Amino acid sequence: HQINEKFVAFKGPVSGAGMMDYDHLPSAYCEKLRACNVTAVVRLNDSHYCASEFTSEGFRHHDLFFEDCSVPSLDIVEKF
């Protein structure tokens, strides 16, 4: 979902073990993200893919992990 011209939110990609039929590989997102002028990916939850799958495609990648359904720490909010 494009939240505004600066942010696009999506359910994170999955690669490797544990993929379900409805999951997508990181490579499936790259073209769509470029079309939205996205230059960086921020992962907020568990790691289900290798960051290099985006960085090798020219995207910057940041991990700002916090527990799902919780409130991020002040440190994570400030980094964001």
C-alpha atoms as a PDB file:
ATOM      1  CA  HIS A   1       0.000   0.000   0.000  1.00  0.00           C
ATOM      2  CA  GLN A   2       1.367   3.417  -0.847  1.00  0.00           C
ATOM      3  CA  ILE A   3       0.842   5.426   2.346  1.00  0.00           C
ATOM      4  CA  ASN A   4       1.975   8.673   0.721  1.00  0.00           C
ATOM      5  CA  GLU A   5       4.595   9.671  -1.818  1.00  0.00           C
ATOM      6  CA  LYS A   6       7.386   8.897   0.642  1.00  0.00           C
ATOM      7  CA  PHE A   7       6.288   5.580   2.190  1.00  0.00           C
ATOM      8  CA  VAL A   8       5.146   2.243   0.837  1.00  0.00           C
ATOM      9  CA  ALA A   9       4.099  -0.465   3.313  1.00  0.00           C
ATOM     10  CA  PHE A  10       3.980  -4.161   2.463  1.00  0.00           C
ATOM     11  CA  LYS A  11       4.026  -7.551   4.094  1.00  0.00           C
ATOM     12  CA  GLY A  12       7.633  -8.586   4.064  1.00  0.00           C
ATOM     13  CA  PRO A  13       8.973 -11.010   1.531  1.00  0.00           C
ATOM     14  CA  VAL A  14      10.056 -14.522   2.417  1.00  0.00           C
ATOM     15  CA  SER A  15      12.823 -16.633   0.962  1.00  0.00           C
ATOM     16  CA  GLY A  16      14.041 -20.083   1.853  1.00  0.00           C
ATOM     17  CA  ALA A  17      12.473 -22.537   4.250  1.00  0.00           C
ATOM     18  CA  GLY A  18       9.023 -21.733   5.493  1.00  0.00           C
ATOM     19  CA  MET A  19       7.716 -20.121   2.317  1.00  0.00           C
ATOM     20  CA  MET A  20       3.967 -20.458   1.872  1.00  0.00           C
ATOM     21  CA  ASP A  21       2.073 -20.375  -1.421  1.00  0.00           C
ATOM     22  CA  TYR A  22       1.059 -16.754  -0.828  1.00  0.00           C
ATOM     23  CA  ASP A  23       4.584 -15.518   0.019  1.00  0.00           C
ATOM     24  CA  HIS A  24       6.769 -13.695  -2.473  1.00  0.00           C
ATOM     25  CA  LEU A  25      10.524 -13.616  -2.901  1.00  0.00           C
ATOM     26  CA  PRO A  26      12.286 -10.261  -2.404  1.00  0.00           C
ATOM     27  CA  SER A  27      13.003 -10.138  -6.143  1.00  0.00           C
ATOM     28  CA  ALA A  28       9.243 -10.015  -6.806  1.00  0.00           C
ATOM     29  CA  TYR A  29       9.087  -6.639  -5.016  1.00  0.00           C
ATOM     30  CA  CYS A  30      12.053  -4.862  -6.627  1.00  0.00           C
ATOM     31  CA  GLU A  31      10.391  -3.716  -9.849  1.00  0.00           C
ATOM     32  CA  LYS A  32       7.277  -2.528  -8.011  1.00  0.00           C
ATOM     33  CA  LEU A  33       9.351  -0.668  -5.421  1.00  0.00           C
ATOM     34  CA  ARG A  34      11.374   1.060  -8.139  1.00  0.00           C
ATOM     35  CA  ALA A  35       8.120   2.105  -9.841  1.00  0.00           C
ATOM     36  CA  CYS A  36       7.156   3.829  -6.560  1.00  0.00           C
ATOM     37  CA  ASN A  37      10.596   5.507  -6.397  1.00  0.00           C
ATOM     38  CA  VAL A  38      11.532   3.551  -3.271  1.00  0.00           C
ATOM     39  CA  THR A  39      15.249   3.727  -2.449  1.00  0.00           C
ATOM     40  CA  ALA A  40      15.362   2.004   0.961  1.00  0.00           C
ATOM     41  CA  VAL A  41      13.702  -0.925   2.694  1.00  0.00           C
ATOM     42  CA  VAL A  42      13.149  -0.878   6.463  1.00  0.00           C
ATOM     43  CA  ARG A  43      12.519  -4.267   8.044  1.00  0.00           C
ATOM     44  CA  LEU A  44      10.516  -3.944  11.270  1.00  0.00           C
ATOM     45  CA  ASN A  45       9.830  -7.578  12.132  1.00  0.00           C
ATOM     46  CA  ASP A  46      11.429 -11.009  12.042  1.00  0.00           C
ATOM     47  CA  SER A  47      13.978 -11.683   9.344  1.00  0.00           C
ATOM     48  CA  HIS A  48      12.511 -13.952   6.674  1.00  0.00           C
ATOM     49  CA  TYR A  49      14.918 -12.938   3.904  1.00  0.00           C
ATOM     50  CA  CYS A  50      18.529 -11.853   3.518  1.00  0.00           C
ATOM     51  CA  ALA A  51      19.014  -8.074   3.313  1.00  0.00           C
ATOM     52  CA  SER A  52      21.453  -8.593   0.427  1.00  0.00           C
ATOM     53  CA  GLU A  53      18.495  -9.628  -1.731  1.00  0.00           C
ATOM     54  CA  PHE A  54      17.550  -5.924  -1.731  1.00  0.00           C
ATOM     55  CA  THR A  55      20.985  -4.319  -1.438  1.00  0.00           C
ATOM     56  CA  SER A  56      22.255  -6.246  -4.453  1.00  0.00           C
ATOM     57  CA  GLU A  57      19.397  -4.615  -6.395  1.00  0.00           C
ATOM     58  CA  GLY A  58      20.513  -1.124  -5.329  1.00  0.00           C
ATOM     59  CA  PHE A  59      18.196  -0.556  -2.363  1.00  0.00           C
ATOM     60  CA  ARG A  60      19.490   0.546   1.018  1.00  0.00           C
ATOM     61  CA  HIS A  61      18.337  -1.781   3.798  1.00  0.00           C
ATOM     62  CA  HIS A  62      17.799  -1.067   7.495  1.00  0.00           C
ATOM     63  CA  ASP A  63      16.750  -3.347  10.355  1.00  0.00           C
ATOM     64  CA  LEU A  64      14.653  -1.687  13.055  1.00  0.00           C
ATOM     65  CA  PHE A  65      13.276  -4.797  14.699  1.00  0.00           C
ATOM     66  CA  PHE A  66      10.599  -4.758  17.366  1.00  0.00           C
ATOM     67  CA  GLU A  67       8.106  -7.395  18.469  1.00  0.00           C
ATOM     68  CA  ASP A  68       5.016  -7.677  16.286  1.00  0.00           C
ATOM     69  CA  CYS A  69       1.924  -6.034  17.834  1.00  0.00           C
ATOM     70  CA  SER A  70       4.087  -4.082  20.264  1.00  0.00           C
ATOM     71  CA  VAL A  71       5.225  -0.480  20.542  1.00  0.00           C
ATOM     72  CA  PRO A  72       8.726   0.226  19.219  1.00  0.00           C
ATOM     73  CA  SER A  73      11.281   1.600  21.641  1.00  0.00           C
ATOM     74  CA  LEU A  74      12.108   5.308  21.617  1.00  0.00           C
ATOM     75  CA  ASP A  75      15.494   4.405  20.111  1.00  0.00           C
ATOM     76  CA  ILE A  76      13.836   2.703  17.129  1.00  0.00           C
ATOM     77  CA  VAL A  77      11.384   5.596  16.674  1.00  0.00           C
ATOM     78  CA  GLU A  78      14.276   8.083  16.647  1.00  0.00           C
ATOM     79  CA  LYS A  79      16.222   6.005  14.108  1.00  0.00           C
ATOM     80  CA  PHE A  80      13.171   5.790  11.886  1.00  0.00           C
END
